[in-house]
All heavy atoms as atom14 arrays in JSON, in Angstrom:
{
  "sequence": "QFGACWSLSKKGYQQFLEDGSANRGWDLNQPQYEARSVKKIPTGAKP",
  "atom14_mask": [
    [1, 1, 1, 1, 1, 1, 1, 1, 1, 0, 0, 0, 0, 0],
    [1, 1, 1, 1, 1, 1, 1, 1, 1, 1, 1, 0, 0, 0],
    [1, 1, 1, 1, 0, 0, 0, 0, 0, 0, 0, 0, 0, 0],
    [1, 1, 1, 1, 1, 0, 0, 0, 0, 0, 0, 0, 0, 0],
    [1, 1, 1, 1, 1, 1, 0, 0, 0, 0, 0, 0, 0, 0],
    [1, 1, 1, 1, 1, 1, 1, 1, 1, 1, 1, 1, 1, 1],
    [1, 1, 1, 1, 1, 1, 0, 0, 0, 0, 0, 0, 0, 0],
    [1, 1, 1, 1, 1, 1, 1, 1, 0, 0, 0, 0, 0, 0],
    [1, 1, 1, 1, 1, 1, 0, 0, 0, 0, 0, 0, 0, 0],
    [1, 1, 1, 1, 1, 1, 1, 1, 1, 0, 0, 0, 0, 0],
    [1, 1, 1, 1, 1, 1, 1, 1, 1, 0, 0, 0, 0, 0],
    [1, 1, 1, 1, 0, 0, 0, 0, 0, 0, 0, 0, 0, 0],
    [1, 1, 1, 1, 1, 1, 1, 1, 1, 1, 1, 1, 0, 0],
    [1, 1, 1, 1, 1, 1, 1, 1, 1, 0, 0, 0, 0, 0],
    [1, 1, 1, 1, 1, 1, 1, 1, 1, 0, 0, 0, 0, 0],
    [1, 1, 1, 1, 1, 1, 1, 1, 1, 1, 1, 0, 0, 0],
    [1, 1, 1, 1, 1, 1, 1, 1, 0, 0, 0, 0, 0, 0],
    [1, 1, 1, 1, 1, 1, 1, 1, 1, 0, 0, 0, 0, 0],
    [1, 1, 1, 1, 1, 1, 1, 1, 0, 0, 0, 0, 0, 0],
    [1, 1, 1, 1, 0, 0, 0, 0, 0, 0, 0, 0, 0, 0],
    [1, 1, 1, 1, 1, 1, 0, 0, 0, 0, 0, 0, 0, 0],
    [1, 1, 1, 1, 1, 0, 0, 0, 0, 0, 0, 0, 0, 0],
    [1, 1, 1, 1, 1, 1, 1, 1, 0, 0, 0, 0, 0, 0],
    [1, 1, 1, 1, 1, 1, 1, 1, 1, 1, 1, 0, 0, 0],
    [1, 1, 1, 1, 0, 0, 0, 0, 0, 0, 0, 0, 0, 0],
    [1, 1, 1, 1, 1, 1, 1, 1, 1, 1, 1, 1, 1, 1],
    [1, 1, 1, 1, 1, 1, 1, 1, 0, 0, 0, 0, 0, 0],
    [1, 1, 1, 1, 1, 1, 1, 1, 0, 0, 0, 0, 0, 0],
    [1, 1, 1, 1, 1, 1, 1, 1, 0, 0, 0, 0, 0, 0],
    [1, 1, 1, 1, 1, 1, 1, 1, 1, 0, 0, 0, 0, 0],
    [1, 1, 1, 1, 1, 1, 1, 0, 0, 0, 0, 0, 0, 0],
    [1, 1, 1, 1, 1, 1, 1, 1, 1, 0, 0, 0, 0, 0],
    [1, 1, 1, 1, 1, 1, 1, 1, 1, 1, 1, 1, 0, 0],
    [1, 1, 1, 1, 1, 1, 1, 1, 1, 0, 0, 0, 0, 0],
    [1, 1, 1, 1, 1, 0, 0, 0, 0, 0, 0, 0, 0, 0],
    [1, 1, 1, 1, 1, 1, 1, 1, 1, 1, 1, 0, 0, 0],
    [1, 1, 1, 1, 1, 1, 0, 0, 0, 0, 0, 0, 0, 0],
    [1, 1, 1, 1, 1, 1, 1, 0, 0, 0, 0, 0, 0, 0],
    [1, 1, 1, 1, 1, 1, 1, 1, 1, 0, 0, 0, 0, 0],
    [1, 1, 1, 1, 1, 1, 1, 1, 1, 0, 0, 0, 0, 0],
    [1, 1, 1, 1, 1, 1, 1, 1, 0, 0, 0, 0, 0, 0],
    [1, 1, 1, 1, 1, 1, 1, 0, 0, 0, 0, 0, 0, 0],
    [1, 1, 1, 1, 1, 1, 1, 0, 0, 0, 0, 0, 0, 0],
    [1, 1, 1, 1, 0, 0, 0, 0, 0, 0, 0, 0, 0, 0],
    [1, 1, 1, 1, 1, 0, 0, 0, 0, 0, 0, 0, 0, 0],
    [1, 1, 1, 1, 1, 1, 1, 1, 1, 0, 0, 0, 0, 0],
    [1, 1, 1, 1, 1, 1, 1, 0, 0, 0, 0, 0, 0, 0]
  ],
  "atom14_positions": [
    [[214.11, -19.21, 102.35], [212.82, -18.9, 101.76], [212.23, -17.68, 102.46], [212.06, -17.7, 103.68], [211.88, -20.1, 101.89], [210.54, -19.91, 101.25], [209.65, -21.14, 101.42], [209.52, -21.64, 102.53], [209.06, -21.59, 100.34], [0.0, 0.0, 0.0], [0.0, 0.0, 0.0], [0.0, 0.0, 0.0], [0.0, 0.0, 0.0], [0.0, 0.0, 0.0]],
    [[211.97, -16.63, 101.7], [211.39, -15.39, 102.23], [212.16, -14.86, 103.43], [211.59, -14.45, 104.42], [209.92, -15.59, 102.57], [209.09, -16.05, 101.41], [208.52, -17.31, 101.4], [208.88, -15.22, 100.32], [207.76, -17.74, 100.32], [208.13, -15.64, 99.23], [207.57, -16.91, 99.25], [0.0, 0.0, 0.0], [0.0, 0.0, 0.0], [0.0, 0.0, 0.0]],
    [[213.49, -14.93, 103.36], [214.34, -14.4, 104.42], [214.59, -15.33, 105.58], [215.41, -15.05, 106.44], [0.0, 0.0, 0.0], [0.0, 0.0, 0.0], [0.0, 0.0, 0.0], [0.0, 0.0, 0.0], [0.0, 0.0, 0.0], [0.0, 0.0, 0.0], [0.0, 0.0, 0.0], [0.0, 0.0, 0.0], [0.0, 0.0, 0.0], [0.0, 0.0, 0.0]],
    [[213.91, -16.45, 105.64], [214.1, -17.42, 106.72], [215.02, -18.54, 106.24], [215.06, -18.87, 105.05], [212.77, -18.01, 107.15], [0.0, 0.0, 0.0], [0.0, 0.0, 0.0], [0.0, 0.0, 0.0], [0.0, 0.0, 0.0], [0.0, 0.0, 0.0], [0.0, 0.0, 0.0], [0.0, 0.0, 0.0], [0.0, 0.0, 0.0], [0.0, 0.0, 0.0]],
    [[215.76, -19.12, 107.18], [216.65, -20.23, 106.86], [216.11, -21.51, 107.51], [215.67, -21.49, 108.66], [218.05, -19.95, 107.39], [218.8, -18.5, 106.67], [0.0, 0.0, 0.0], [0.0, 0.0, 0.0], [0.0, 0.0, 0.0], [0.0, 0.0, 0.0], [0.0, 0.0, 0.0], [0.0, 0.0, 0.0], [0.0, 0.0, 0.0], [0.0, 0.0, 0.0]],
    [[216.16, -22.59, 106.76], [215.62, -23.87, 107.2], [216.65, -24.98, 107.02], [217.42, -24.98, 106.07], [214.37, -24.22, 106.41], [213.28, -23.22, 106.54], [213.1, -22.09, 105.79], [212.23, -23.24, 107.49], [211.99, -21.41, 106.22], [211.43, -22.1, 107.26], [211.87, -24.11, 108.51], [210.3, -21.81, 108.01], [210.73, -23.83, 109.26], [209.97, -22.68, 109.0]],
    [[216.59, -25.95, 107.9], [217.42, -27.14, 107.84], [216.48, -28.34, 107.66], [215.51, -28.48, 108.41], [218.22, -27.27, 109.14], [218.84, -28.53, 109.22], [0.0, 0.0, 0.0], [0.0, 0.0, 0.0], [0.0, 0.0, 0.0], [0.0, 0.0, 0.0], [0.0, 0.0, 0.0], [0.0, 0.0, 0.0], [0.0, 0.0, 0.0], [0.0, 0.0, 0.0]],
    [[216.78, -29.18, 106.68], [215.94, -30.33, 106.39], [216.75, -31.62, 106.39], [217.93, -31.61, 106.01], [215.27, -30.19, 105.02], [214.22, -29.11, 104.85], [214.85, -27.79, 104.51], [213.25, -29.5, 103.78], [0.0, 0.0, 0.0], [0.0, 0.0, 0.0], [0.0, 0.0, 0.0], [0.0, 0.0, 0.0], [0.0, 0.0, 0.0], [0.0, 0.0, 0.0]],
    [[216.1, -32.71, 106.75], [216.72, -34.02, 106.62], [216.77, -34.38, 105.14], [216.13, -33.73, 104.3], [215.88, -35.07, 107.36], [214.62, -35.21, 106.73], [0.0, 0.0, 0.0], [0.0, 0.0, 0.0], [0.0, 0.0, 0.0], [0.0, 0.0, 0.0], [0.0, 0.0, 0.0], [0.0, 0.0, 0.0], [0.0, 0.0, 0.0], [0.0, 0.0, 0.0]],
    [[217.5, -35.42, 104.8], [217.59, -35.86, 103.41], [216.2, -36.21, 102.87], [215.82, -35.8, 101.79], [218.52, -37.06, 103.29], [218.73, -37.55, 101.89], [219.74, -38.67, 101.84], [219.98, -39.09, 100.4], [221.01, -40.11, 100.28], [0.0, 0.0, 0.0], [0.0, 0.0, 0.0], [0.0, 0.0, 0.0], [0.0, 0.0, 0.0], [0.0, 0.0, 0.0]],
    [[215.43, -36.94, 103.66], [214.08, -37.34, 103.27], [213.18, -36.12, 103.09], [212.44, -36.02, 102.11], [213.5, -38.27, 104.33], [212.09, -38.7, 104.09], [211.59, -39.55, 105.25], [210.09, -39.73, 105.18], [209.56, -40.35, 106.38], [0.0, 0.0, 0.0], [0.0, 0.0, 0.0], [0.0, 0.0, 0.0], [0.0, 0.0, 0.0], [0.0, 0.0, 0.0]],
    [[213.23, -35.2, 104.03], [212.41, -33.99, 103.95], [212.79, -33.11, 102.78], [211.93, -32.53, 102.11], [0.0, 0.0, 0.0], [0.0, 0.0, 0.0], [0.0, 0.0, 0.0], [0.0, 0.0, 0.0], [0.0, 0.0, 0.0], [0.0, 0.0, 0.0], [0.0, 0.0, 0.0], [0.0, 0.0, 0.0], [0.0, 0.0, 0.0], [0.0, 0.0, 0.0]],
    [[214.1, -33.01, 102.52], [214.58, -32.2, 101.39], [214.1, -32.78, 100.07], [213.61, -32.05, 99.2], [216.1, -32.12, 101.43], [216.71, -31.21, 100.4], [216.51, -29.84, 100.44], [217.49, -31.73, 99.38], [217.08, -29.01, 99.5], [218.06, -30.9, 98.44], [217.85, -29.54, 98.49], [218.42, -28.72, 97.55], [0.0, 0.0, 0.0], [0.0, 0.0, 0.0]],
    [[214.21, -34.09, 99.92], [213.75, -34.73, 98.7], [212.25, -34.52, 98.51], [211.8, -34.19, 97.41], [214.09, -36.21, 98.7], [213.67, -36.91, 97.42], [214.14, -38.34, 97.33], [215.07, -38.76, 98.01], [213.49, -39.11, 96.47], [0.0, 0.0, 0.0], [0.0, 0.0, 0.0], [0.0, 0.0, 0.0], [0.0, 0.0, 0.0], [0.0, 0.0, 0.0]],
    [[211.47, -34.68, 99.58], [210.02, -34.48, 99.5], [209.7, -33.03, 99.12], [208.81, -32.78, 98.29], [209.35, -34.83, 100.82], [207.83, -34.71, 100.8], [207.2, -35.73, 99.86], [207.46, -36.92, 99.98], [206.39, -35.26, 98.93], [0.0, 0.0, 0.0], [0.0, 0.0, 0.0], [0.0, 0.0, 0.0], [0.0, 0.0, 0.0], [0.0, 0.0, 0.0]],
    [[210.42, -32.08, 99.69], [210.23, -30.66, 99.38], [210.48, -30.39, 97.9], [209.7, -29.71, 97.23], [211.17, -29.82, 100.26], [211.14, -28.36, 99.97], [210.05, -27.58, 100.29], [212.23, -27.74, 99.38], [210.02, -26.22, 100.03], [212.23, -26.39, 99.11], [211.12, -25.63, 99.44], [0.0, 0.0, 0.0], [0.0, 0.0, 0.0], [0.0, 0.0, 0.0]],
    [[211.56, -30.95, 97.36], [211.88, -30.75, 95.94], [210.85, -31.44, 95.04], [210.45, -30.89, 94.01], [213.28, -31.27, 95.63], [214.43, -30.53, 96.3], [215.75, -31.22, 95.98], [214.47, -29.07, 95.88], [0.0, 0.0, 0.0], [0.0, 0.0, 0.0], [0.0, 0.0, 0.0], [0.0, 0.0, 0.0], [0.0, 0.0, 0.0], [0.0, 0.0, 0.0]],
    [[210.41, -32.63, 95.42], [209.39, -33.33, 94.63], [208.09, -32.55, 94.61], [207.46, -32.4, 93.55], [209.17, -34.74, 95.18], [210.32, -35.68, 94.91], [210.21, -37.01, 95.63], [209.3, -37.17, 96.49], [211.04, -37.89, 95.35], [0.0, 0.0, 0.0], [0.0, 0.0, 0.0], [0.0, 0.0, 0.0], [0.0, 0.0, 0.0], [0.0, 0.0, 0.0]],
    [[207.68, -32.03, 95.75], [206.45, -31.24, 95.82], [206.58, -29.96, 95.0], [205.65, -29.57, 94.29], [206.09, -30.91, 97.26], [205.58, -32.11, 98.03], [205.35, -33.18, 97.41], [205.41, -31.99, 99.25], [0.0, 0.0, 0.0], [0.0, 0.0, 0.0], [0.0, 0.0, 0.0], [0.0, 0.0, 0.0], [0.0, 0.0, 0.0], [0.0, 0.0, 0.0]],
    [[207.71, -29.31, 95.09], [207.93, -28.08, 94.33], [207.91, -28.33, 92.83], [207.33, -27.55, 92.07], [0.0, 0.0, 0.0], [0.0, 0.0, 0.0], [0.0, 0.0, 0.0], [0.0, 0.0, 0.0], [0.0, 0.0, 0.0], [0.0, 0.0, 0.0], [0.0, 0.0, 0.0], [0.0, 0.0, 0.0], [0.0, 0.0, 0.0], [0.0, 0.0, 0.0]],
    [[208.52, -29.42, 92.4], [208.57, -29.7, 90.96], [207.2, -30.1, 90.42], [206.95, -29.97, 89.23], [209.61, -30.78, 90.66], [209.25, -32.01, 91.23], [0.0, 0.0, 0.0], [0.0, 0.0, 0.0], [0.0, 0.0, 0.0], [0.0, 0.0, 0.0], [0.0, 0.0, 0.0], [0.0, 0.0, 0.0], [0.0, 0.0, 0.0], [0.0, 0.0, 0.0]],
    [[206.32, -30.56, 91.29], [204.95, -30.93, 90.89], [203.95, -29.81, 91.18], [202.74, -30.03, 91.08], [204.53, -32.21, 91.59], [0.0, 0.0, 0.0], [0.0, 0.0, 0.0], [0.0, 0.0, 0.0], [0.0, 0.0, 0.0], [0.0, 0.0, 0.0], [0.0, 0.0, 0.0], [0.0, 0.0, 0.0], [0.0, 0.0, 0.0], [0.0, 0.0, 0.0]],
    [[204.43, -28.63, 91.58], [203.58, -27.5, 91.92], [202.57, -27.83, 93.01], [201.42, -27.4, 92.96], [202.83, -26.97, 90.68], [203.7, -26.07, 89.85], [204.45, -25.27, 90.38], [203.61, -26.22, 88.54], [0.0, 0.0, 0.0], [0.0, 0.0, 0.0], [0.0, 0.0, 0.0], [0.0, 0.0, 0.0], [0.0, 0.0, 0.0], [0.0, 0.0, 0.0]],
    [[203.01, -28.6, 94.01], [202.11, -28.95, 95.12], [202.32, -28.05, 96.33], [201.88, -28.38, 97.42], [202.34, -30.41, 95.53], [201.82, -31.4, 94.53], [201.8, -32.79, 95.09], [203.12, -33.31, 95.36], [203.71, -34.26, 94.67], [203.11, -34.81, 93.64], [204.91, -34.68, 95.01], [0.0, 0.0, 0.0], [0.0, 0.0, 0.0], [0.0, 0.0, 0.0]],
    [[202.99, -26.97, 96.15], [203.2, -26.04, 97.26], [204.57, -26.19, 97.86], [205.23, -27.21, 97.71], [0.0, 0.0, 0.0], [0.0, 0.0, 0.0], [0.0, 0.0, 0.0], [0.0, 0.0, 0.0], [0.0, 0.0, 0.0], [0.0, 0.0, 0.0], [0.0, 0.0, 0.0], [0.0, 0.0, 0.0], [0.0, 0.0, 0.0], [0.0, 0.0, 0.0]],
    [[204.98, -25.14, 98.57], [206.36, -25.09, 99.04], [206.45, -24.53, 100.45], [207.4, -23.85, 100.78], [207.2, -24.24, 98.1], [207.0, -24.61, 96.67], [207.48, -25.72, 96.07], [206.26, -23.91, 95.68], [207.1, -25.75, 94.75], [206.34, -24.65, 94.48], [205.52, -22.74, 95.68], [205.72, -24.24, 93.3], [204.9, -22.35, 94.5], [205.02, -23.09, 93.34]],
    [[205.49, -24.8, 101.28], [205.49, -24.26, 102.64], [206.34, -25.15, 103.54], [205.97, -26.28, 103.86], [204.06, -24.16, 103.17], [203.98, -23.55, 104.55], [205.03, -23.17, 105.11], [202.86, -23.47, 105.07], [0.0, 0.0, 0.0], [0.0, 0.0, 0.0], [0.0, 0.0, 0.0], [0.0, 0.0, 0.0], [0.0, 0.0, 0.0], [0.0, 0.0, 0.0]],
    [[207.48, -24.64, 103.97], [208.4, -25.42, 104.8], [207.89, -25.68, 106.2], [208.47, -26.46, 106.94], [209.77, -24.75, 104.84], [210.57, -24.94, 103.56], [211.69, -23.92, 103.46], [211.1, -26.34, 103.48], [0.0, 0.0, 0.0], [0.0, 0.0, 0.0], [0.0, 0.0, 0.0], [0.0, 0.0, 0.0], [0.0, 0.0, 0.0], [0.0, 0.0, 0.0]],
    [[206.79, -25.06, 106.58], [206.2, -25.32, 107.9], [205.41, -26.62, 107.93], [204.93, -27.02, 108.98], [205.28, -24.16, 108.32], [206.08, -22.98, 108.81], [207.02, -23.15, 109.57], [205.7, -21.8, 108.38], [0.0, 0.0, 0.0], [0.0, 0.0, 0.0], [0.0, 0.0, 0.0], [0.0, 0.0, 0.0], [0.0, 0.0, 0.0], [0.0, 0.0, 0.0]],
    [[205.26, -27.28, 106.81], [204.5, -28.53, 106.76], [205.29, -29.66, 107.43], [206.5, -29.78, 107.23], [204.19, -28.9, 105.3], [203.34, -27.88, 104.58], [202.0, -27.7, 105.25], [201.32, -28.65, 105.59], [201.62, -26.45, 105.47], [0.0, 0.0, 0.0], [0.0, 0.0, 0.0], [0.0, 0.0, 0.0], [0.0, 0.0, 0.0], [0.0, 0.0, 0.0]],
    [[204.63, -30.5, 108.22], [205.33, -31.53, 108.98], [206.05, -32.57, 108.13], [207.06, -33.14, 108.58], [204.23, -32.17, 109.82], [202.96, -31.78, 109.2], [203.18, -30.49, 108.47], [0.0, 0.0, 0.0], [0.0, 0.0, 0.0], [0.0, 0.0, 0.0], [0.0, 0.0, 0.0], [0.0, 0.0, 0.0], [0.0, 0.0, 0.0], [0.0, 0.0, 0.0]],
    [[205.59, -32.83, 106.91], [206.24, -33.86, 106.1], [207.68, -33.51, 105.72], [208.46, -34.38, 105.38], [205.43, -34.18, 104.83], [205.4, -33.09, 103.79], [204.2, -32.19, 103.89], [203.65, -32.0, 104.98], [203.78, -31.62, 102.79], [0.0, 0.0, 0.0], [0.0, 0.0, 0.0], [0.0, 0.0, 0.0], [0.0, 0.0, 0.0], [0.0, 0.0, 0.0]],
    [[208.06, -32.24, 105.82], [209.42, -31.84, 105.47], [210.39, -31.94, 106.65], [211.59, -31.85, 106.45], [209.44, -30.41, 104.91], [208.56, -30.24, 103.7], [207.72, -29.15, 103.59], [208.55, -31.18, 102.68], [206.91, -28.98, 102.49], [207.74, -31.02, 101.58], [206.92, -29.92, 101.49], [206.12, -29.77, 100.39], [0.0, 0.0, 0.0], [0.0, 0.0, 0.0]],
    [[209.88, -32.09, 107.84], [210.73, -32.2, 109.03], [211.76, -31.07, 109.07], [212.93, -31.26, 109.38], [211.43, -33.55, 109.07], [210.47, -34.73, 109.05], [211.16, -36.07, 108.85], [212.39, -36.11, 108.65], [210.45, -37.08, 108.9], [0.0, 0.0, 0.0], [0.0, 0.0, 0.0], [0.0, 0.0, 0.0], [0.0, 0.0, 0.0], [0.0, 0.0, 0.0]],
    [[211.32, -29.86, 108.7], [212.21, -28.7, 108.62], [212.32, -28.01, 109.97], [211.35, -27.93, 110.72], [211.69, -27.72, 107.57], [0.0, 0.0, 0.0], [0.0, 0.0, 0.0], [0.0, 0.0, 0.0], [0.0, 0.0, 0.0], [0.0, 0.0, 0.0], [0.0, 0.0, 0.0], [0.0, 0.0, 0.0], [0.0, 0.0, 0.0], [0.0, 0.0, 0.0]],
    [[213.53, -27.52, 110.24], [213.77, -26.75, 111.46], [214.28, -25.38, 111.05], [215.16, -25.25, 110.21], [214.83, -27.43, 112.32], [214.43, -28.8, 112.8], [215.45, -29.36, 113.75], [216.76, -29.51, 113.11], [217.58, -30.52, 113.32], [217.29, -31.44, 114.18], [218.74, -30.57, 112.7], [0.0, 0.0, 0.0], [0.0, 0.0, 0.0], [0.0, 0.0, 0.0]],
    [[213.74, -24.37, 111.67], [214.21, -23.01, 111.44], [215.6, -22.87, 112.08], [215.82, -23.33, 113.2], [213.24, -22.01, 112.06], [213.7, -20.71, 111.89], [0.0, 0.0, 0.0], [0.0, 0.0, 0.0], [0.0, 0.0, 0.0], [0.0, 0.0, 0.0], [0.0, 0.0, 0.0], [0.0, 0.0, 0.0], [0.0, 0.0, 0.0], [0.0, 0.0, 0.0]],
    [[216.52, -22.25, 111.35], [217.87, -22.04, 111.88], [218.24, -20.57, 111.73], [217.81, -19.9, 110.8], [218.93, -22.93, 111.17], [218.69, -24.4, 111.46], [218.94, -22.7, 109.67], [0.0, 0.0, 0.0], [0.0, 0.0, 0.0], [0.0, 0.0, 0.0], [0.0, 0.0, 0.0], [0.0, 0.0, 0.0], [0.0, 0.0, 0.0], [0.0, 0.0, 0.0]],
    [[219.02, -20.09, 112.67], [219.45, -18.69, 112.61], [220.69, -18.51, 111.74], [220.87, -17.48, 111.12], [219.74, -18.18, 114.01], [218.49, -18.08, 114.87], [218.8, -17.42, 116.19], [217.64, -17.48, 117.13], [216.58, -16.59, 116.87], [0.0, 0.0, 0.0], [0.0, 0.0, 0.0], [0.0, 0.0, 0.0], [0.0, 0.0, 0.0], [0.0, 0.0, 0.0]],
    [[221.53, -19.55, 111.7], [222.78, -19.44, 110.95], [223.04, -20.74, 110.2], [222.96, -21.83, 110.77], [223.92, -19.17, 111.92], [225.25, -18.95, 111.28], [226.31, -18.62, 112.3], [227.65, -18.49, 111.62], [228.73, -18.31, 112.57], [0.0, 0.0, 0.0], [0.0, 0.0, 0.0], [0.0, 0.0, 0.0], [0.0, 0.0, 0.0], [0.0, 0.0, 0.0]],
    [[223.36, -20.6, 108.93], [223.69, -21.76, 108.11], [225.18, -22.05, 108.27], [226.0, -21.14, 108.22], [223.32, -21.49, 106.64], [221.79, -21.37, 106.54], [223.84, -22.59, 105.74], [221.28, -21.02, 105.19], [0.0, 0.0, 0.0], [0.0, 0.0, 0.0], [0.0, 0.0, 0.0], [0.0, 0.0, 0.0], [0.0, 0.0, 0.0], [0.0, 0.0, 0.0]],
    [[225.54, -23.3, 108.49], [226.95, -23.65, 108.71], [227.85, -23.25, 107.55], [227.44, -23.29, 106.38], [226.92, -25.17, 108.86], [225.53, -25.53, 109.16], [224.67, -24.47, 108.55], [0.0, 0.0, 0.0], [0.0, 0.0, 0.0], [0.0, 0.0, 0.0], [0.0, 0.0, 0.0], [0.0, 0.0, 0.0], [0.0, 0.0, 0.0], [0.0, 0.0, 0.0]],
    [[229.08, -22.91, 107.88], [230.08, -22.6, 106.87], [230.29, -23.84, 106.0], [230.36, -24.95, 106.51], [231.41, -22.21, 107.54], [231.16, -21.14, 108.43], [232.45, -21.82, 106.53], [0.0, 0.0, 0.0], [0.0, 0.0, 0.0], [0.0, 0.0, 0.0], [0.0, 0.0, 0.0], [0.0, 0.0, 0.0], [0.0, 0.0, 0.0], [0.0, 0.0, 0.0]],
    [[230.36, -23.65, 104.73], [230.56, -24.77, 103.81], [229.27, -25.34, 103.25], [229.3, -26.09, 102.29], [0.0, 0.0, 0.0], [0.0, 0.0, 0.0], [0.0, 0.0, 0.0], [0.0, 0.0, 0.0], [0.0, 0.0, 0.0], [0.0, 0.0, 0.0], [0.0, 0.0, 0.0], [0.0, 0.0, 0.0], [0.0, 0.0, 0.0], [0.0, 0.0, 0.0]],
    [[228.14, -25.02, 103.86], [226.85, -25.49, 103.35], [226.53, -24.72, 102.07], [226.98, -23.59, 101.88], [225.75, -25.28, 104.38], [0.0, 0.0, 0.0], [0.0, 0.0, 0.0], [0.0, 0.0, 0.0], [0.0, 0.0, 0.0], [0.0, 0.0, 0.0], [0.0, 0.0, 0.0], [0.0, 0.0, 0.0], [0.0, 0.0, 0.0], [0.0, 0.0, 0.0]],
    [[225.79, -25.35, 101.17], [225.41, -24.7, 99.92], [223.89, -24.59, 99.87], [223.22, -25.33, 99.15], [225.93, -25.52, 98.74], [227.44, -25.5, 98.63], [228.02, -26.48, 97.64], [227.44, -26.41, 96.27], [228.1, -27.31, 95.32], [0.0, 0.0, 0.0], [0.0, 0.0, 0.0], [0.0, 0.0, 0.0], [0.0, 0.0, 0.0], [0.0, 0.0, 0.0]],
    [[223.31, -23.67, 100.65], [221.85, -23.56, 100.67], [221.3, -23.1, 99.33], [221.98, -22.4, 98.58], [221.6, -22.51, 101.75], [222.82, -21.67, 101.73], [223.95, -22.62, 101.44], [0.0, 0.0, 0.0], [0.0, 0.0, 0.0], [0.0, 0.0, 0.0], [0.0, 0.0, 0.0], [0.0, 0.0, 0.0], [0.0, 0.0, 0.0], [0.0, 0.0, 0.0]]
  ]
}
């Protein structure tokens, strides 16, 4: 998102998608997403 890479738990990812689909905002810095900033996405991941 905006050039930054984030890692989310299954629960956080689902909440992020639910909020996005309901137009409730998409700020990954929110604590409910349990997102961590990452410098490199693992090989084989499909971000």
